[in-house]
Amino acid sequence: MSDDRPRLALAAELLATTDEGSAERHVAAATALLRAGHLDRARAQLWTALRRFLQERRLDDALATAEQLVALDPADDAARAQLHELQILRRQAHRRAATHRQA
């Protein structure tokens, strides 16, 4: 059986560059890069996706991406800080929504 990891990594990079504004493309590229064994490049794609999700104000997607970053490297202080910040924002958003429904 041949090693498809180099082709998978190339496909991931092409995927990410076909629509650089698409956070989903960066997440898909990260997944392919992980399968190809390129952890650092996958993390870079996830950080790009996270920035895009935040720009688009997609809090749940940003939170899920931050969780993936922490899962890939629990010692990454920046990823853990970002995750913590997003968890706080999510709690605040849920409180505001609950307060709004009660009014």
PDB file of N, CA and C in Angstrom:
ATOM      1  N   MET A   1       0.842  -1.180   0.000  1.00  0.00           N
ATOM      2  CA  MET A   1       0.000   0.000   0.000  1.00  0.00           C
ATOM      3  C   MET A   1       0.889   1.246   0.000  1.00  0.00           C
ATOM      4  N   SER A   2       0.585   2.202  -0.851  1.00  0.00           N
ATOM      5  CA  SER A   2       1.421   3.395  -0.954  1.00  0.00           C
ATOM      6  C   SER A   2       1.060   4.400   0.139  1.00  0.00           C
ATOM      7  N   ASP A   3       1.996   5.277   0.407  1.00  0.00           N
ATOM      8  CA  ASP A   3       1.811   6.321   1.406  1.00  0.00           C
ATOM      9  C   ASP A   3       1.172   7.532   0.727  1.00  0.00           C
ATOM     10  N   ASP A   4      -0.077   7.797   1.053  1.00  0.00           N
ATOM     11  CA  ASP A   4      -0.808   8.907   0.445  1.00  0.00           C
ATOM     12  C   ASP A   4      -0.658  10.219   1.211  1.00  0.00           C
ATOM     13  N   ARG A   5       0.115  10.231   2.282  1.00  0.00           N
ATOM     14  CA  ARG A   5       0.210  11.442   3.102  1.00  0.00           C
ATOM     15  C   ARG A   5       0.724  12.658   2.347  1.00  0.00           C
ATOM     16  N   PRO A   6       1.742  12.541   1.487  1.00  0.00           N
ATOM     17  CA  PRO A   6       2.178  13.743   0.756  1.00  0.00           C
ATOM     18  C   PRO A   6       1.084  14.307  -0.149  1.00  0.00           C
ATOM     19  N   ARG A   7       0.363  13.430  -0.828  1.00  0.00           N
ATOM     20  CA  ARG A   7      -0.732  13.902  -1.695  1.00  0.00           C
ATOM     21  C   ARG A   7      -1.851  14.506  -0.870  1.00  0.00           C
ATOM     22  N   LEU A   8      -2.134  13.911   0.278  1.00  0.00           N
ATOM     23  CA  LEU A   8      -3.172  14.426   1.162  1.00  0.00           C
ATOM     24  C   LEU A   8      -2.792  15.822   1.672  1.00  0.00           C
ATOM     25  N   ALA A   9      -1.546  16.010   2.028  1.00  0.00           N
ATOM     26  CA  ALA A   9      -1.079  17.317   2.491  1.00  0.00           C
ATOM     27  C   ALA A   9      -1.190  18.358   1.382  1.00  0.00           C
ATOM     28  N   LEU A  10      -0.814  17.983   0.158  1.00  0.00           N
ATOM     29  CA  LEU A  10      -0.924  18.898  -0.973  1.00  0.00           C
ATOM     30  C   LEU A  10      -2.387  19.253  -1.236  1.00  0.00           C
ATOM     31  N   ALA A  11      -3.248  18.270  -1.192  1.00  0.00           N
ATOM     32  CA  ALA A  11      -4.677  18.521  -1.390  1.00  0.00           C
ATOM     33  C   ALA A  11      -5.219  19.464  -0.318  1.00  0.00           C
ATOM     34  N   ALA A  12      -4.750  19.294   0.908  1.00  0.00           N
ATOM     35  CA  ALA A  12      -5.192  20.164   2.001  1.00  0.00           C
ATOM     36  C   ALA A  12      -4.796  21.609   1.749  1.00  0.00           C
ATOM     37  N   GLU A  13      -3.561  21.803   1.319  1.00  0.00           N
ATOM     38  CA  GLU A  13      -3.103  23.166   1.034  1.00  0.00           C
ATOM     39  C   GLU A  13      -3.893  23.787  -0.115  1.00  0.00           C
ATOM     40  N   LEU A  14      -4.152  23.007  -1.142  1.00  0.00           N
ATOM     41  CA  LEU A  14      -4.948  23.509  -2.262  1.00  0.00           C
ATOM     42  C   LEU A  14      -6.364  23.844  -1.818  1.00  0.00           C
ATOM     43  N   LEU A  15      -6.923  23.012  -0.974  1.00  0.00           N
ATOM     44  CA  LEU A  15      -8.268  23.241  -0.452  1.00  0.00           C
ATOM     45  C   LEU A  15      -8.333  24.568   0.280  1.00  0.00           C
ATOM     46  N   ALA A  16      -7.366  24.832   1.121  1.00  0.00           N
ATOM     47  CA  ALA A  16      -7.362  26.066   1.909  1.00  0.00           C
ATOM     48  C   ALA A  16      -7.186  27.298   1.034  1.00  0.00           C
ATOM     49  N   THR A  17      -6.434  27.175  -0.052  1.00  0.00           N
ATOM     50  CA  THR A  17      -6.169  28.346  -0.885  1.00  0.00           C
ATOM     51  C   THR A  17      -7.224  28.586  -1.951  1.00  0.00           C
ATOM     52  N   THR A  18      -8.129  27.641  -2.182  1.00  0.00           N
ATOM     53  CA  THR A  18      -9.159  27.862  -3.197  1.00  0.00           C
ATOM     54  C   THR A  18     -10.160  28.917  -2.765  1.00  0.00           C
ATOM     55  N   ASP A  19     -10.371  29.054  -1.459  1.00  0.00           N
ATOM     56  CA  ASP A  19     -11.262  30.084  -0.931  1.00  0.00           C
ATOM     57  C   ASP A  19     -10.730  30.473   0.441  1.00  0.00           C
ATOM     58  N   GLU A  20      -9.741  31.345   0.446  1.00  0.00           N
ATOM     59  CA  GLU A  20      -9.051  31.675   1.688  1.00  0.00           C
ATOM     60  C   GLU A  20      -9.958  32.346   2.705  1.00  0.00           C
ATOM     61  N   GLY A  21     -11.070  32.896   2.268  1.00  0.00           N
ATOM     62  CA  GLY A  21     -11.997  33.537   3.188  1.00  0.00           C
ATOM     63  C   GLY A  21     -12.947  32.568   3.858  1.00  0.00           C
ATOM     64  N   SER A  22     -12.916  31.320   3.463  1.00  0.00           N
ATOM     65  CA  SER A  22     -13.837  30.325   4.002  1.00  0.00           C
ATOM     66  C   SER A  22     -13.228  29.614   5.199  1.00  0.00           C
ATOM     67  N   ALA A  23     -13.805  29.849   6.362  1.00  0.00           N
ATOM     68  CA  ALA A  23     -13.325  29.173   7.565  1.00  0.00           C
ATOM     69  C   ALA A  23     -13.479  27.664   7.437  1.00  0.00           C
ATOM     70  N   GLU A  24     -14.571  27.232   6.818  1.00  0.00           N
ATOM     71  CA  GLU A  24     -14.807  25.798   6.657  1.00  0.00           C
ATOM     72  C   GLU A  24     -13.717  25.135   5.828  1.00  0.00           C
ATOM     73  N   ARG A  25     -13.232  25.839   4.823  1.00  0.00           N
ATOM     74  CA  ARG A  25     -12.145  25.289   3.992  1.00  0.00           C
ATOM     75  C   ARG A  25     -10.881  25.102   4.825  1.00  0.00           C
ATOM     76  N   HIS A  26     -10.635  26.038   5.719  1.00  0.00           N
ATOM     77  CA  HIS A  26      -9.444  25.922   6.567  1.00  0.00           C
ATOM     78  C   HIS A  26      -9.592  24.771   7.561  1.00  0.00           C
ATOM     79  N   VAL A  27     -10.791  24.556   8.069  1.00  0.00           N
ATOM     80  CA  VAL A  27     -11.023  23.421   8.966  1.00  0.00           C
ATOM     81  C   VAL A  27     -10.840  22.112   8.195  1.00  0.00           C
ATOM     82  N   ALA A  28     -11.374  22.050   6.993  1.00  0.00           N
ATOM     83  CA  ALA A  28     -11.215  20.842   6.173  1.00  0.00           C
ATOM     84  C   ALA A  28      -9.739  20.599   5.850  1.00  0.00           C
ATOM     85  N   ALA A  29      -9.026  21.676   5.544  1.00  0.00           N
ATOM     86  CA  ALA A  29      -7.590  21.539   5.263  1.00  0.00           C
ATOM     87  C   ALA A  29      -6.856  21.042   6.508  1.00  0.00           C
ATOM     88  N   ALA A  30      -7.230  21.551   7.666  1.00  0.00           N
ATOM     89  CA  ALA A  30      -6.597  21.105   8.911  1.00  0.00           C
ATOM     90  C   ALA A  30      -6.833  19.619   9.135  1.00  0.00           C
ATOM     91  N   THR A  31      -8.032  19.166   8.867  1.00  0.00           N
ATOM     92  CA  THR A  31      -8.348  17.751   9.031  1.00  0.00           C
ATOM     93  C   THR A  31      -7.478  16.894   8.117  1.00  0.00           C
ATOM     94  N   ALA A  32      -7.362  17.313   6.870  1.00  0.00           N
ATOM     95  CA  ALA A  32      -6.530  16.561   5.920  1.00  0.00           C
ATOM     96  C   ALA A  32      -5.059  16.600   6.337  1.00  0.00           C
ATOM     97  N   LEU A  33      -4.599  17.737   6.799  1.00  0.00           N
ATOM     98  CA  LEU A  33      -3.207  17.849   7.235  1.00  0.00           C
ATOM     99  C   LEU A  33      -2.936  16.965   8.447  1.00  0.00           C
ATOM    100  N   LEU A  34      -3.892  16.879   9.343  1.00  0.00           N
ATOM    101  CA  LEU A  34      -3.726  15.978  10.493  1.00  0.00           C
ATOM    102  C   LEU A  34      -3.606  14.533  10.033  1.00  0.00           C
ATOM    103  N   ARG A  35      -4.464  14.154   9.101  1.00  0.00           N
ATOM    104  CA  ARG A  35      -4.406  12.786   8.579  1.00  0.00           C
ATOM    105  C   ARG A  35      -3.086  12.513   7.882  1.00  0.00           C
ATOM    106  N   ALA A  36      -2.491  13.576   7.328  1.00  0.00           N
ATOM    107  CA  ALA A  36      -1.205  13.430   6.640  1.00  0.00           C
ATOM    108  C   ALA A  36      -0.035  13.520   7.611  1.00  0.00           C
ATOM    109  N   GLY A  37      -0.328  13.784   8.882  1.00  0.00           N
ATOM    110  CA  GLY A  37       0.723  13.834   9.882  1.00  0.00           C
ATOM    111  C   GLY A  37       1.412  15.178  10.034  1.00  0.00           C
ATOM    112  N   HIS A  38       0.788  16.236   9.562  1.00  0.00           N
ATOM    113  CA  HIS A  38       1.365  17.575   9.619  1.00  0.00           C
ATOM    114  C   HIS A  38       0.676  18.401  10.710  1.00  0.00           C
ATOM    115  N   LEU A  39       1.024  18.141  11.941  1.00  0.00           N
ATOM    116  CA  LEU A  39       0.362  18.767  13.081  1.00  0.00           C
ATOM    117  C   LEU A  39       0.514  20.286  13.086  1.00  0.00           C
ATOM    118  N   ASP A  40       1.711  20.787  12.888  1.00  0.00           N
ATOM    119  CA  ASP A  40       1.927  22.240  12.937  1.00  0.00           C
ATOM    120  C   ASP A  40       1.158  22.966  11.841  1.00  0.00           C
ATOM    121  N   ARG A  41       1.155  22.415  10.653  1.00  0.00           N
ATOM    122  CA  ARG A  41       0.408  23.039   9.552  1.00  0.00           C
ATOM    123  C   ARG A  41      -1.091  22.961   9.800  1.00  0.00           C
ATOM    124  N   ALA A  42      -1.546  21.865  10.397  1.00  0.00           N
ATOM    125  CA  ALA A  42      -2.966  21.739  10.732  1.00  0.00           C
ATOM    126  C   ALA A  42      -3.367  22.792  11.762  1.00  0.00           C
ATOM    127  N   ARG A  43      -2.517  22.985  12.759  1.00  0.00           N
ATOM    128  CA  ARG A  43      -2.806  23.992  13.778  1.00  0.00           C
ATOM    129  C   ARG A  43      -2.868  25.386  13.159  1.00  0.00           C
ATOM    130  N   ALA A  44      -1.988  25.673  12.215  1.00  0.00           N
ATOM    131  CA  ALA A  44      -1.999  26.976  11.542  1.00  0.00           C
ATOM    132  C   ALA A  44      -3.314  27.182  10.799  1.00  0.00           C
ATOM    133  N   GLN A  45      -3.800  26.139  10.143  1.00  0.00           N
ATOM    134  CA  GLN A  45      -5.078  26.237   9.435  1.00  0.00           C
ATOM    135  C   GLN A  45      -6.228  26.457  10.416  1.00  0.00           C
ATOM    136  N   LEU A  46      -6.176  25.791  11.569  1.00  0.00           N
ATOM    137  CA  LEU A  46      -7.232  25.973  12.571  1.00  0.00           C
ATOM    138  C   LEU A  46      -7.219  27.393  13.144  1.00  0.00           C
ATOM    139  N   TRP A  47      -6.036  27.953  13.355  1.00  0.00           N
ATOM    140  CA  TRP A  47      -5.972  29.345  13.829  1.00  0.00           C
ATOM    141  C   TRP A  47      -6.567  30.294  12.788  1.00  0.00           C
ATOM    142  N   THR A  48      -6.293  30.031  11.518  1.00  0.00           N
ATOM    143  CA  THR A  48      -6.874  30.867  10.466  1.00  0.00           C
ATOM    144  C   THR A  48      -8.389  30.734  10.470  1.00  0.00           C
ATOM    145  N   ALA A  49      -8.892  29.513  10.609  1.00  0.00           N
ATOM    146  CA  ALA A  49     -10.335  29.288  10.662  1.00  0.00           C
ATOM    147  C   ALA A  49     -10.935  30.005  11.870  1.00  0.00           C
ATOM    148  N   LEU A  50     -10.269  29.929  12.992  1.00  0.00           N
ATOM    149  CA  LEU A  50     -10.762  30.584  14.203  1.00  0.00           C
ATOM    150  C   LEU A  50     -10.889  32.087  13.992  1.00  0.00           C
ATOM    151  N   ARG A  51      -9.873  32.701  13.398  1.00  0.00           N
ATOM    152  CA  ARG A  51      -9.948  34.140  13.117  1.00  0.00           C
ATOM    153  C   ARG A  51     -11.122  34.464  12.201  1.00  0.00           C
ATOM    154  N   ARG A  52     -11.337  33.630  11.183  1.00  0.00           N
ATOM    155  CA  ARG A  52     -12.457  33.868  10.257  1.00  0.00           C
ATOM    156  C   ARG A  52     -13.801  33.743  10.987  1.00  0.00           C
ATOM    157  N   PHE A  53     -13.934  32.700  11.796  1.00  0.00           N
ATOM    158  CA  PHE A  53     -15.180  32.525  12.542  1.00  0.00           C
ATOM    159  C   PHE A  53     -15.444  33.723  13.450  1.00  0.00           C
ATOM    160  N   LEU A  54     -14.408  34.242  14.075  1.00  0.00           N
ATOM    161  CA  LEU A  54     -14.580  35.405  14.939  1.00  0.00           C
ATOM    162  C   LEU A  54     -14.962  36.637  14.132  1.00  0.00           C
ATOM    163  N   GLN A  55     -14.351  36.823  12.971  1.00  0.00           N
ATOM    164  CA  GLN A  55     -14.703  37.953  12.103  1.00  0.00           C
ATOM    165  C   GLN A  55     -16.158  37.876  11.673  1.00  0.00           C
ATOM    166  N   GLU A  56     -16.643  36.658  11.466  1.00  0.00           N
ATOM    167  CA  GLU A  56     -18.032  36.455  11.034  1.00  0.00           C
ATOM    168  C   GLU A  56     -18.987  36.371  12.217  1.00  0.00           C
ATOM    169  N   ARG A  57     -18.463  36.533  13.428  1.00  0.00           N
ATOM    170  CA  ARG A  57     -19.253  36.477  14.668  1.00  0.00           C
ATOM    171  C   ARG A  57     -19.981  35.145  14.817  1.00  0.00           C
ATOM    172  N   ARG A  58     -19.286  34.076  14.478  1.00  0.00           N
ATOM    173  CA  ARG A  58     -19.828  32.718  14.590  1.00  0.00           C
ATOM    174  C   ARG A  58     -19.221  32.080  15.845  1.00  0.00           C
ATOM    175  N   LEU A  59     -19.793  32.448  16.970  1.00  0.00           N
ATOM    176  CA  LEU A  59     -19.231  32.090  18.270  1.00  0.00           C
ATOM    177  C   LEU A  59     -19.153  30.581  18.477  1.00  0.00           C
ATOM    178  N   ASP A  60     -20.197  29.856  18.148  1.00  0.00           N
ATOM    179  CA  ASP A  60     -20.177  28.405  18.372  1.00  0.00           C
ATOM    180  C   ASP A  60     -19.103  27.721  17.531  1.00  0.00           C
ATOM    181  N   ASP A  61     -18.952  28.159  16.281  1.00  0.00           N
ATOM    182  CA  ASP A  61     -17.914  27.581  15.421  1.00  0.00           C
ATOM    183  C   ASP A  61     -16.521  27.947  15.918  1.00  0.00           C
ATOM    184  N   ALA A  62     -16.361  29.180  16.375  1.00  0.00           N
ATOM    185  CA  ALA A  62     -15.078  29.603  16.922  1.00  0.00           C
ATOM    186  C   ALA A  62     -14.737  28.792  18.174  1.00  0.00           C
ATOM    187  N   LEU A  63     -15.736  28.571  19.007  1.00  0.00           N
ATOM    188  CA  LEU A  63     -15.528  27.796  20.229  1.00  0.00           C
ATOM    189  C   LEU A  63     -15.120  26.360  19.897  1.00  0.00           C
ATOM    190  N   ALA A  64     -15.789  25.749  18.938  1.00  0.00           N
ATOM    191  CA  ALA A  64     -15.448  24.376  18.537  1.00  0.00           C
ATOM    192  C   ALA A  64     -14.027  24.304  17.976  1.00  0.00           C
ATOM    193  N   THR A  65     -13.636  25.308  17.226  1.00  0.00           N
ATOM    194  CA  THR A  65     -12.287  25.342  16.665  1.00  0.00           C
ATOM    195  C   THR A  65     -11.239  25.521  17.764  1.00  0.00           C
ATOM    196  N   ALA A  66     -11.529  26.386  18.729  1.00  0.00           N
ATOM    197  CA  ALA A  66     -10.609  26.565  19.861  1.00  0.00           C
ATOM    198  C   ALA A  66     -10.480  25.261  20.651  1.00  0.00           C
ATOM    199  N   GLU A  67     -11.575  24.541  20.798  1.00  0.00           N
ATOM    200  CA  GLU A  67     -11.519  23.246  21.490  1.00  0.00           C
ATOM    201  C   GLU A  67     -10.619  22.270  20.739  1.00  0.00           C
ATOM    202  N   GLN A  68     -10.680  22.300  19.412  1.00  0.00           N
ATOM    203  CA  GLN A  68      -9.813  21.435  18.613  1.00  0.00           C
ATOM    204  C   GLN A  68      -8.347  21.810  18.798  1.00  0.00           C
ATOM    205  N   LEU A  69      -8.071  23.110  18.833  1.00  0.00           N
ATOM    206  CA  LEU A  69      -6.691  23.558  19.031  1.00  0.00           C
ATOM    207  C   LEU A  69      -6.141  23.095  20.375  1.00  0.00           C
ATOM    208  N   VAL A  70      -6.950  23.198  21.415  1.00  0.00           N
ATOM    209  CA  VAL A  70      -6.508  22.755  22.740  1.00  0.00           C
ATOM    210  C   VAL A  70      -6.331  21.241  22.760  1.00  0.00           C
ATOM    211  N   ALA A  71      -7.219  20.521  22.083  1.00  0.00           N
ATOM    212  CA  ALA A  71      -7.098  19.061  22.035  1.00  0.00           C
ATOM    213  C   ALA A  71      -5.815  18.637  21.326  1.00  0.00           C
ATOM    214  N   LEU A  72      -5.413  19.387  20.314  1.00  0.00           N
ATOM    215  CA  LEU A  72      -4.190  19.055  19.579  1.00  0.00           C
ATOM    216  C   LEU A  72      -2.938  19.347  20.402  1.00  0.00           C
ATOM    217  N   ASP A  73      -3.004  20.383  21.225  1.00  0.00           N
ATOM    218  CA  ASP A  73      -1.836  20.737  22.041  1.00  0.00           C
ATOM    219  C   ASP A  73      -2.310  21.362  23.349  1.00  0.00           C
ATOM    220  N   PRO A  74      -2.583  20.537  24.360  1.00  0.00           N
ATOM    221  CA  PRO A  74      -3.068  21.054  25.642  1.00  0.00           C
ATOM    222  C   PRO A  74      -2.105  22.036  26.314  1.00  0.00           C
ATOM    223  N   ALA A  75      -0.840  22.029  25.928  1.00  0.00           N
ATOM    224  CA  ALA A  75       0.139  22.938  26.522  1.00  0.00           C
ATOM    225  C   ALA A  75       0.174  24.303  25.832  1.00  0.00           C
ATOM    226  N   ASP A  76      -0.625  24.492  24.786  1.00  0.00           N
ATOM    227  CA  ASP A  76      -0.648  25.751  24.044  1.00  0.00           C
ATOM    228  C   ASP A  76      -1.420  26.793  24.857  1.00  0.00           C
ATOM    229  N   ASP A  77      -0.676  27.684  25.506  1.00  0.00           N
ATOM    230  CA  ASP A  77      -1.308  28.696  26.360  1.00  0.00           C
ATOM    231  C   ASP A  77      -2.230  29.626  25.570  1.00  0.00           C
ATOM    232  N   ALA A  78      -1.838  29.975  24.357  1.00  0.00           N
ATOM    233  CA  ALA A  78      -2.669  30.879  23.550  1.00  0.00           C
ATOM    234  C   ALA A  78      -4.007  30.220  23.210  1.00  0.00           C
ATOM    235  N   ALA A  79      -3.973  28.956  22.851  1.00  0.00           N
ATOM    236  CA  ALA A  79      -5.212  28.240  22.516  1.00  0.00           C
ATOM    237  C   ALA A  79      -6.099  28.103  23.751  1.00  0.00           C
ATOM    238  N   ARG A  80      -5.487  27.784  24.892  1.00  0.00           N
ATOM    239  CA  ARG A  80      -6.281  27.651  26.119  1.00  0.00           C
ATOM    240  C   ARG A  80      -6.880  28.988  26.532  1.00  0.00           C
ATOM    241  N   ALA A  81      -6.136  30.072  26.389  1.00  0.00           N
ATOM    242  CA  ALA A  81      -6.658  31.401  26.721  1.00  0.00           C
ATOM    243  C   ALA A  81      -7.795  31.779  25.787  1.00  0.00           C
ATOM    244  N   GLN A  82      -7.640  31.475  24.498  1.00  0.00           N
ATOM    245  CA  GLN A  82      -8.699  31.778  23.536  1.00  0.00           C
ATOM    246  C   GLN A  82      -9.954  30.973  23.857  1.00  0.00           C
ATOM    247  N   LEU A  83      -9.783  29.697  24.176  1.00  0.00           N
ATOM    248  CA  LEU A  83     -10.915  28.854  24.538  1.00  0.00           C
ATOM    249  C   LEU A  83     -11.627  29.408  25.765  1.00  0.00           C
ATOM    250  N   HIS A  84     -10.874  29.788  26.771  1.00  0.00           N
ATOM    251  CA  HIS A  84     -11.465  30.328  27.995  1.00  0.00           C
ATOM    252  C   HIS A  84     -12.261  31.605  27.693  1.00  0.00           C
ATOM    253  N   GLU A  85     -11.695  32.482  26.893  1.00  0.00           N
ATOM    254  CA  GLU A  85     -12.377  33.732  26.524  1.00  0.00           C
ATOM    255  C   GLU A  85     -13.675  33.445  25.774  1.00  0.00           C
ATOM    256  N   LEU A  86     -13.631  32.490  24.859  1.00  0.00           N
ATOM    257  CA  LEU A  86     -14.833  32.149  24.094  1.00  0.00           C
ATOM    258  C   LEU A  86     -15.892  31.494  24.977  1.00  0.00           C
ATOM    259  N   GLN A  87     -15.473  30.704  25.937  1.00  0.00           N
ATOM    260  CA  GLN A  87     -16.429  30.101  26.862  1.00  0.00           C
ATOM    261  C   GLN A  87     -17.138  31.184  27.678  1.00  0.00           C
ATOM    262  N   ILE A  88     -16.413  32.200  28.097  1.00  0.00           N
ATOM    263  CA  ILE A  88     -17.017  33.316  28.824  1.00  0.00           C
ATOM    264  C   ILE A  88     -18.013  34.048  27.930  1.00  0.00           C
ATOM    265  N   LEU A  89     -17.614  34.331  26.696  1.00  0.00           N
ATOM    266  CA  LEU A  89     -18.515  35.014  25.758  1.00  0.00           C
ATOM    267  C   LEU A  89     -19.783  34.204  25.514  1.00  0.00           C
ATOM    268  N   ARG A  90     -19.632  32.904  25.406  1.00  0.00           N
ATOM    269  CA  ARG A  90     -20.800  32.051  25.168  1.00  0.00           C
ATOM    270  C   ARG A  90     -21.753  32.100  26.365  1.00  0.00           C
ATOM    271  N   ARG A  91     -21.206  32.024  27.575  1.00  0.00           N
ATOM    272  CA  ARG A  91     -22.059  32.107  28.770  1.00  0.00           C
ATOM    273  C   ARG A  91     -22.787  33.444  28.814  1.00  0.00           C
ATOM    274  N   GLN A  92     -22.087  34.527  28.502  1.00  0.00           N
ATOM    275  CA  GLN A  92     -22.715  35.847  28.488  1.00  0.00           C
ATOM    276  C   GLN A  92     -23.820  35.924  27.440  1.00  0.00           C
ATOM    277  N   ALA A  93     -23.582  35.343  26.281  1.00  0.00           N
ATOM    278  CA  ALA A  93     -24.591  35.356  25.221  1.00  0.00           C
ATOM    279  C   ALA A  93     -25.820  34.562  25.637  1.00  0.00           C
ATOM    280  N   HIS A  94     -25.616  33.429  26.302  1.00  0.00           N
ATOM    281  CA  HIS A  94     -26.751  32.630  26.757  1.00  0.00           C
ATOM    282  C   HIS A  94     -27.534  33.363  27.833  1.00  0.00           C
ATOM    283  N   ARG A  95     -26.833  34.066  28.729  1.00  0.00           N
ATOM    284  CA  ARG A  95     -27.528  34.844  29.767  1.00  0.00           C
ATOM    285  C   ARG A  95     -28.350  35.956  29.149  1.00  0.00           C
ATOM    286  N   ARG A  96     -27.785  36.656  28.188  1.00  0.00           N
ATOM    287  CA  ARG A  96     -28.522  37.737  27.511  1.00  0.00           C
ATOM    288  C   ARG A  96     -29.768  37.187  26.814  1.00  0.00           C
ATOM    289  N   ALA A  97     -29.615  36.057  26.161  1.00  0.00           N
ATOM    290  CA  ALA A  97     -30.758  35.447  25.464  1.00  0.00           C
ATOM    291  C   ALA A  97     -31.837  35.041  26.460  1.00  0.00           C
ATOM    292  N   ALA A  98     -31.435  34.486  27.590  1.00  0.00           N
ATOM    293  CA  ALA A  98     -32.413  34.074  28.612  1.00  0.00           C
ATOM    294  C   ALA A  98     -33.118  35.277  29.203  1.00  0.00           C
ATOM    295  N   THR A  99     -32.386  36.353  29.442  1.00  0.00           N
ATOM    296  CA  THR A  99     -32.965  37.579  29.978  1.00  0.00           C
ATOM    297  C   THR A  99     -33.928  38.192  28.979  1.00  0.00           C
ATOM    298  N   HIS A 100     -33.551  38.161  27.719  1.00  0.00           N
ATOM    299  CA  HIS A 100     -34.396  38.720  26.665  1.00  0.00           C
ATOM    300  C   HIS A 100     -35.704  37.943  26.544  1.00  0.00           C
ATOM    301  N   ARG A 101     -35.633  36.615  26.664  1.00  0.00           N
ATOM    302  CA  ARG A 101     -36.846  35.789  26.568  1.00  0.00           C
ATOM    303  C   ARG A 101     -37.788  36.048  27.741  1.00  0.00           C
ATOM    304  N   GLN A 102     -37.231  36.363  28.910  1.00  0.00           N
ATOM    305  CA  GLN A 102     -38.049  36.593  30.087  1.00  0.00           C
ATOM    306  C   GLN A 102     -38.725  37.966  30.045  1.00  0.00           C
ATOM    307  N   ALA A 103     -38.146  38.886  29.322  1.00  0.00           N
ATOM    308  CA  ALA A 103     -38.696  40.266  29.270  1.00  0.00           C
ATOM    309  C   ALA A 103     -39.924  40.364  28.426  1.00  0.00           C
TER     310      ALA A 103
END
